[in-house]
Amino acid sequence: MNSRKALNRLALDAGFRSPEIILVEAHPAYLLFNTIPFLAGVAYERVVNRVEWLAGIRASILGRFLR
């Protein structure tokens, strides 16, 4: 269950309707130990969140499922 397609299929099979699934790359706070990796992480996060065809490599999946 780590893709939008798999979650959507399982939610519909379980009787949920209109699943909302959002993939998000979080802010790279884990790189605050050094400026250069942090800035690279911020650039990565911004690019991955803006370009929809890169959604598959985003780290977090958020979903809302209604019965």
PDB file of N, CA and C in Angstrom:
ATOM      1  N   MET A   1       0.820  -1.190   0.000  1.00  0.00           N
ATOM      2  CA  MET A   1       0.000   0.000   0.000  1.00  0.00           C
ATOM      3  C   MET A   1       0.862   1.251   0.000  1.00  0.00           C
ATOM      4  N   ASN A   2       1.851   1.300  -0.835  1.00  0.00           N
ATOM      5  CA  ASN A   2       2.683   2.498  -0.860  1.00  0.00           C
ATOM      6  C   ASN A   2       2.649   3.184  -2.222  1.00  0.00           C
ATOM      7  N   SER A   3       1.498   3.146  -2.873  1.00  0.00           N
ATOM      8  CA  SER A   3       1.304   3.907  -4.102  1.00  0.00           C
ATOM      9  C   SER A   3      -0.138   4.408  -4.141  1.00  0.00           C
ATOM     10  N   ARG A   4      -0.352   5.456  -4.886  1.00  0.00           N
ATOM     11  CA  ARG A   4      -1.692   6.036  -5.011  1.00  0.00           C
ATOM     12  C   ARG A   4      -2.659   5.015  -5.629  1.00  0.00           C
ATOM     13  N   LYS A   5      -2.186   4.303  -6.628  1.00  0.00           N
ATOM     14  CA  LYS A   5      -3.025   3.312  -7.315  1.00  0.00           C
ATOM     15  C   LYS A   5      -3.454   2.190  -6.368  1.00  0.00           C
ATOM     16  N   ALA A   6      -2.511   1.654  -5.591  1.00  0.00           N
ATOM     17  CA  ALA A   6      -2.826   0.565  -4.660  1.00  0.00           C
ATOM     18  C   ALA A   6      -3.792   1.034  -3.572  1.00  0.00           C
ATOM     19  N   LEU A   7      -3.569   2.202  -3.013  1.00  0.00           N
ATOM     20  CA  LEU A   7      -4.467   2.720  -1.973  1.00  0.00           C
ATOM     21  C   LEU A   7      -5.865   2.964  -2.515  1.00  0.00           C
ATOM     22  N   ASN A   8      -5.948   3.506  -3.715  1.00  0.00           N
ATOM     23  CA  ASN A   8      -7.243   3.767  -4.328  1.00  0.00           C
ATOM     24  C   ASN A   8      -8.009   2.463  -4.540  1.00  0.00           C
ATOM     25  N   ARG A   9      -7.345   1.459  -5.067  1.00  0.00           N
ATOM     26  CA  ARG A   9      -7.984   0.165  -5.316  1.00  0.00           C
ATOM     27  C   ARG A   9      -8.468  -0.470  -4.010  1.00  0.00           C
ATOM     28  N   LEU A  10      -7.605  -0.478  -2.989  1.00  0.00           N
ATOM     29  CA  LEU A  10      -7.967  -1.083  -1.710  1.00  0.00           C
ATOM     30  C   LEU A  10      -9.093  -0.322  -1.014  1.00  0.00           C
ATOM     31  N   ALA A  11      -9.082   0.995  -1.106  1.00  0.00           N
ATOM     32  CA  ALA A  11     -10.144   1.793  -0.492  1.00  0.00           C
ATOM     33  C   ALA A  11     -11.486   1.508  -1.153  1.00  0.00           C
ATOM     34  N   LEU A  12     -11.507   1.436  -2.472  1.00  0.00           N
ATOM     35  CA  LEU A  12     -12.758   1.148  -3.174  1.00  0.00           C
ATOM     36  C   LEU A  12     -13.233  -0.274  -2.874  1.00  0.00           C
ATOM     37  N   ASP A  13     -12.315  -1.225  -2.814  1.00  0.00           N
ATOM     38  CA  ASP A  13     -12.670  -2.608  -2.475  1.00  0.00           C
ATOM     39  C   ASP A  13     -13.225  -2.727  -1.057  1.00  0.00           C
ATOM     40  N   ALA A  14     -12.788  -1.865  -0.144  1.00  0.00           N
ATOM     41  CA  ALA A  14     -13.235  -1.906   1.251  1.00  0.00           C
ATOM     42  C   ALA A  14     -14.535  -1.133   1.469  1.00  0.00           C
ATOM     43  N   GLY A  15     -15.074  -0.542   0.404  1.00  0.00           N
ATOM     44  CA  GLY A  15     -16.352   0.144   0.524  1.00  0.00           C
ATOM     45  C   GLY A  15     -16.269   1.639   0.746  1.00  0.00           C
ATOM     46  N   PHE A  16     -15.098   2.199   0.676  1.00  0.00           N
ATOM     47  CA  PHE A  16     -14.978   3.646   0.797  1.00  0.00           C
ATOM     48  C   PHE A  16     -15.342   4.284  -0.538  1.00  0.00           C
ATOM     49  N   ARG A  17     -15.817   5.510  -0.484  1.00  0.00           N
ATOM     50  CA  ARG A  17     -16.140   6.214  -1.724  1.00  0.00           C
ATOM     51  C   ARG A  17     -15.268   7.456  -1.844  1.00  0.00           C
ATOM     52  N   SER A  18     -15.000   7.842  -3.024  1.00  0.00           N
ATOM     53  CA  SER A  18     -14.238   9.054  -3.335  1.00  0.00           C
ATOM     54  C   SER A  18     -12.959   9.199  -2.516  1.00  0.00           C
ATOM     55  N   PRO A  19     -12.046   8.240  -2.598  1.00  0.00           N
ATOM     56  CA  PRO A  19     -10.804   8.406  -1.837  1.00  0.00           C
ATOM     57  C   PRO A  19      -9.984   9.585  -2.359  1.00  0.00           C
ATOM     58  N   GLU A  20      -9.503  10.398  -1.443  1.00  0.00           N
ATOM     59  CA  GLU A  20      -8.593  11.498  -1.771  1.00  0.00           C
ATOM     60  C   GLU A  20      -7.207  11.075  -1.324  1.00  0.00           C
ATOM     61  N   ILE A  21      -6.284  10.983  -2.249  1.00  0.00           N
ATOM     62  CA  ILE A  21      -4.930  10.552  -1.920  1.00  0.00           C
ATOM     63  C   ILE A  21      -3.966  11.604  -2.435  1.00  0.00           C
ATOM     64  N   ILE A  22      -3.137  12.103  -1.524  1.00  0.00           N
ATOM     65  CA  ILE A  22      -2.174  13.146  -1.856  1.00  0.00           C
ATOM     66  C   ILE A  22      -0.774  12.641  -1.504  1.00  0.00           C
ATOM     67  N   LEU A  23       0.155  12.809  -2.423  1.00  0.00           N
ATOM     68  CA  LEU A  23       1.550  12.452  -2.163  1.00  0.00           C
ATOM     69  C   LEU A  23       2.333  13.748  -1.944  1.00  0.00           C
ATOM     70  N   VAL A  24       3.134  13.775  -0.882  1.00  0.00           N
ATOM     71  CA  VAL A  24       3.831  15.000  -0.482  1.00  0.00           C
ATOM     72  C   VAL A  24       5.264  14.675  -0.078  1.00  0.00           C
ATOM     73  N   GLU A  25       6.169  15.538  -0.458  1.00  0.00           N
ATOM     74  CA  GLU A  25       7.544  15.460   0.040  1.00  0.00           C
ATOM     75  C   GLU A  25       7.653  16.506   1.146  1.00  0.00           C
ATOM     76  N   ALA A  26       8.030  16.088   2.337  1.00  0.00           N
ATOM     77  CA  ALA A  26       8.078  16.976   3.495  1.00  0.00           C
ATOM     78  C   ALA A  26       9.319  17.864   3.484  1.00  0.00           C
ATOM     79  N   HIS A  27       9.250  18.919   4.274  1.00  0.00           N
ATOM     80  CA  HIS A  27      10.374  19.834   4.450  1.00  0.00           C
ATOM     81  C   HIS A  27      11.576  19.057   5.021  1.00  0.00           C
ATOM     82  N   PRO A  28      12.776  19.276   4.501  1.00  0.00           N
ATOM     83  CA  PRO A  28      13.944  18.477   4.915  1.00  0.00           C
ATOM     84  C   PRO A  28      14.584  18.944   6.224  1.00  0.00           C
ATOM     85  N   ALA A  29      13.804  19.020   7.283  1.00  0.00           N
ATOM     86  CA  ALA A  29      14.335  19.464   8.577  1.00  0.00           C
ATOM     87  C   ALA A  29      15.438  18.543   9.097  1.00  0.00           C
ATOM     88  N   TYR A  30      15.428  17.284   8.651  1.00  0.00           N
ATOM     89  CA  TYR A  30      16.448  16.328   9.077  1.00  0.00           C
ATOM     90  C   TYR A  30      17.836  16.677   8.536  1.00  0.00           C
ATOM     91  N   LEU A  31      17.924  17.652   7.637  1.00  0.00           N
ATOM     92  CA  LEU A  31      19.222  18.061   7.075  1.00  0.00           C
ATOM     93  C   LEU A  31      19.734  19.375   7.673  1.00  0.00           C
ATOM     94  N   LEU A  32      19.149  19.830   8.743  1.00  0.00           N
ATOM     95  CA  LEU A  32      19.542  21.105   9.339  1.00  0.00           C
ATOM     96  C   LEU A  32      20.944  21.097   9.957  1.00  0.00           C
ATOM     97  N   PHE A  33      21.579  19.949  10.025  1.00  0.00           N
ATOM     98  CA  PHE A  33      22.911  19.872  10.625  1.00  0.00           C
ATOM     99  C   PHE A  33      23.966  20.608   9.816  1.00  0.00           C
ATOM    100  N   ASN A  34      23.673  20.879   8.524  1.00  0.00           N
ATOM    101  CA  ASN A  34      24.644  21.543   7.658  1.00  0.00           C
ATOM    102  C   ASN A  34      23.894  22.317   6.577  1.00  0.00           C
ATOM    103  N   THR A  35      24.396  23.485   6.234  1.00  0.00           N
ATOM    104  CA  THR A  35      23.707  24.360   5.291  1.00  0.00           C
ATOM    105  C   THR A  35      23.603  23.774   3.887  1.00  0.00           C
ATOM    106  N   ILE A  36      24.682  23.217   3.367  1.00  0.00           N
ATOM    107  CA  ILE A  36      24.688  22.730   1.982  1.00  0.00           C
ATOM    108  C   ILE A  36      23.707  21.575   1.771  1.00  0.00           C
ATOM    109  N   PRO A  37      23.741  20.523   2.585  1.00  0.00           N
ATOM    110  CA  PRO A  37      22.731  19.474   2.396  1.00  0.00           C
ATOM    111  C   PRO A  37      21.301  19.984   2.605  1.00  0.00           C
ATOM    112  N   PHE A  38      21.123  20.910   3.536  1.00  0.00           N
ATOM    113  CA  PHE A  38      19.789  21.457   3.773  1.00  0.00           C
ATOM    114  C   PHE A  38      19.270  22.191   2.543  1.00  0.00           C
ATOM    115  N   LEU A  39      20.085  23.036   1.941  1.00  0.00           N
ATOM    116  CA  LEU A  39      19.667  23.769   0.747  1.00  0.00           C
ATOM    117  C   LEU A  39      19.395  22.823  -0.422  1.00  0.00           C
ATOM    118  N   ALA A  40      20.208  21.781  -0.547  1.00  0.00           N
ATOM    119  CA  ALA A  40      19.962  20.775  -1.587  1.00  0.00           C
ATOM    120  C   ALA A  40      18.635  20.063  -1.312  1.00  0.00           C
ATOM    121  N   GLY A  41      18.356  19.752  -0.062  1.00  0.00           N
ATOM    122  CA  GLY A  41      17.097  19.108   0.310  1.00  0.00           C
ATOM    123  C   GLY A  41      15.898  19.994   0.048  1.00  0.00           C
ATOM    124  N   VAL A  42      16.031  21.282   0.316  1.00  0.00           N
ATOM    125  CA  VAL A  42      14.944  22.228   0.040  1.00  0.00           C
ATOM    126  C   VAL A  42      14.676  22.298  -1.464  1.00  0.00           C
ATOM    127  N   ALA A  43      15.734  22.360  -2.251  1.00  0.00           N
ATOM    128  CA  ALA A  43      15.571  22.386  -3.712  1.00  0.00           C
ATOM    129  C   ALA A  43      14.876  21.116  -4.194  1.00  0.00           C
ATOM    130  N   TYR A  44      15.306  19.966  -3.680  1.00  0.00           N
ATOM    131  CA  TYR A  44      14.694  18.690  -4.049  1.00  0.00           C
ATOM    132  C   TYR A  44      13.214  18.667  -3.683  1.00  0.00           C
ATOM    133  N   GLU A  45      12.917  19.079  -2.457  1.00  0.00           N
ATOM    134  CA  GLU A  45      11.529  19.078  -1.979  1.00  0.00           C
ATOM    135  C   GLU A  45      10.654  19.964  -2.855  1.00  0.00           C
ATOM    136  N   ARG A  46      11.133  21.121  -3.217  1.00  0.00           N
ATOM    137  CA  ARG A  46      10.340  22.047  -4.028  1.00  0.00           C
ATOM    138  C   ARG A  46      10.106  21.519  -5.432  1.00  0.00           C
ATOM    139  N   VAL A  47      11.127  20.940  -6.034  1.00  0.00           N
ATOM    140  CA  VAL A  47      10.974  20.393  -7.384  1.00  0.00           C
ATOM    141  C   VAL A  47      10.016  19.206  -7.375  1.00  0.00           C
ATOM    142  N   VAL A  48      10.203  18.286  -6.439  1.00  0.00           N
ATOM    143  CA  VAL A  48       9.374  17.079  -6.397  1.00  0.00           C
ATOM    144  C   VAL A  48       7.914  17.422  -6.108  1.00  0.00           C
ATOM    145  N   ASN A  49       7.653  18.421  -5.283  1.00  0.00           N
ATOM    146  CA  ASN A  49       6.271  18.797  -4.987  1.00  0.00           C
ATOM    147  C   ASN A  49       5.618  19.581  -6.122  1.00  0.00           C
ATOM    148  N   ARG A  50       6.383  20.251  -6.952  1.00  0.00           N
ATOM    149  CA  ARG A  50       5.806  21.046  -8.039  1.00  0.00           C
ATOM    150  C   ARG A  50       5.583  20.262  -9.319  1.00  0.00           C
ATOM    151  N   VAL A  51       6.386  19.251  -9.562  1.00  0.00           N
ATOM    152  CA  VAL A  51       6.304  18.508 -10.817  1.00  0.00           C
ATOM    153  C   VAL A  51       5.479  17.243 -10.587  1.00  0.00           C
ATOM    154  N   GLU A  52       4.305  17.196 -11.193  1.00  0.00           N
ATOM    155  CA  GLU A  52       3.371  16.101 -10.921  1.00  0.00           C
ATOM    156  C   GLU A  52       3.905  14.742 -11.360  1.00  0.00           C
ATOM    157  N   TRP A  53       4.654  14.661 -12.440  1.00  0.00           N
ATOM    158  CA  TRP A  53       5.153  13.348 -12.867  1.00  0.00           C
ATOM    159  C   TRP A  53       6.229  12.806 -11.939  1.00  0.00           C
ATOM    160  N   LEU A  54       6.694  13.588 -10.969  1.00  0.00           N
ATOM    161  CA  LEU A  54       7.617  13.112  -9.941  1.00  0.00           C
ATOM    162  C   LEU A  54       6.881  12.695  -8.660  1.00  0.00           C
ATOM    163  N   ALA A  55       5.573  12.691  -8.690  1.00  0.00           N
ATOM    164  CA  ALA A  55       4.791  12.367  -7.494  1.00  0.00           C
ATOM    165  C   ALA A  55       5.109  10.977  -6.948  1.00  0.00           C
ATOM    166  N   GLY A  56       5.486  10.064  -7.805  1.00  0.00           N
ATOM    167  CA  GLY A  56       5.775   8.708  -7.367  1.00  0.00           C
ATOM    168  C   GLY A  56       6.971   8.574  -6.446  1.00  0.00           C
ATOM    169  N   ILE A  57       7.837   9.580  -6.381  1.00  0.00           N
ATOM    170  CA  ILE A  57       9.009   9.502  -5.507  1.00  0.00           C
ATOM    171  C   ILE A  57       8.846  10.359  -4.249  1.00  0.00           C
ATOM    172  N   ARG A  58       7.671  10.913  -4.052  1.00  0.00           N
ATOM    173  CA  ARG A  58       7.410  11.661  -2.821  1.00  0.00           C
ATOM    174  C   ARG A  58       7.324  10.692  -1.652  1.00  0.00           C
ATOM    175  N   ALA A  59       7.763  11.139  -0.480  1.00  0.00           N
ATOM    176  CA  ALA A  59       7.934  10.243   0.662  1.00  0.00           C
ATOM    177  C   ALA A  59       6.673  10.007   1.491  1.00  0.00           C
ATOM    178  N   SER A  60       5.730  10.927   1.479  1.00  0.00           N
ATOM    179  CA  SER A  60       4.560  10.810   2.357  1.00  0.00           C
ATOM    180  C   SER A  60       3.281  10.670   1.545  1.00  0.00           C
ATOM    181  N   ILE A  61       2.405   9.788   2.021  1.00  0.00           N
ATOM    182  CA  ILE A  61       1.100   9.601   1.396  1.00  0.00           C
ATOM    183  C   ILE A  61       0.041   9.969   2.429  1.00  0.00           C
ATOM    184  N   LEU A  62      -0.818  10.901   2.060  1.00  0.00           N
ATOM    185  CA  LEU A  62      -1.927  11.311   2.921  1.00  0.00           C
ATOM    186  C   LEU A  62      -3.222  10.945   2.223  1.00  0.00           C
ATOM    187  N   GLY A  63      -4.167  10.413   2.982  1.00  0.00           N
ATOM    188  CA  GLY A  63      -5.422  10.014   2.370  1.00  0.00           C
ATOM    189  C   GLY A  63      -6.610  10.327   3.254  1.00  0.00           C
ATOM    190  N   ARG A  64      -7.722  10.552   2.595  1.00  0.00           N
ATOM    191  CA  ARG A  64      -9.002  10.742   3.288  1.00  0.00           C
ATOM    192  C   ARG A  64     -10.006   9.828   2.602  1.00  0.00           C
ATOM    193  N   PHE A  65     -10.586   8.940   3.389  1.00  0.00           N
ATOM    194  CA  PHE A  65     -11.492   7.947   2.853  1.00  0.00           C
ATOM    195  C   PHE A  65     -12.847   8.084   3.553  1.00  0.00           C
ATOM    196  N   LEU A  66     -13.907   8.203   2.776  1.00  0.00           N
ATOM    197  CA  LEU A  66     -15.249   8.392   3.318  1.00  0.00           C
ATOM    198  C   LEU A  66     -16.090   7.152   3.077  1.00  0.00           C
ATOM    199  N   ARG A  67     -16.896   6.813   4.046  1.00  0.00           N
ATOM    200  CA  ARG A  67     -17.826   5.689   3.906  1.00  0.00           C
ATOM    201  C   ARG A  67     -19.193   6.201   3.591  1.00  0.00           C
TER     202      ARG A  67
END
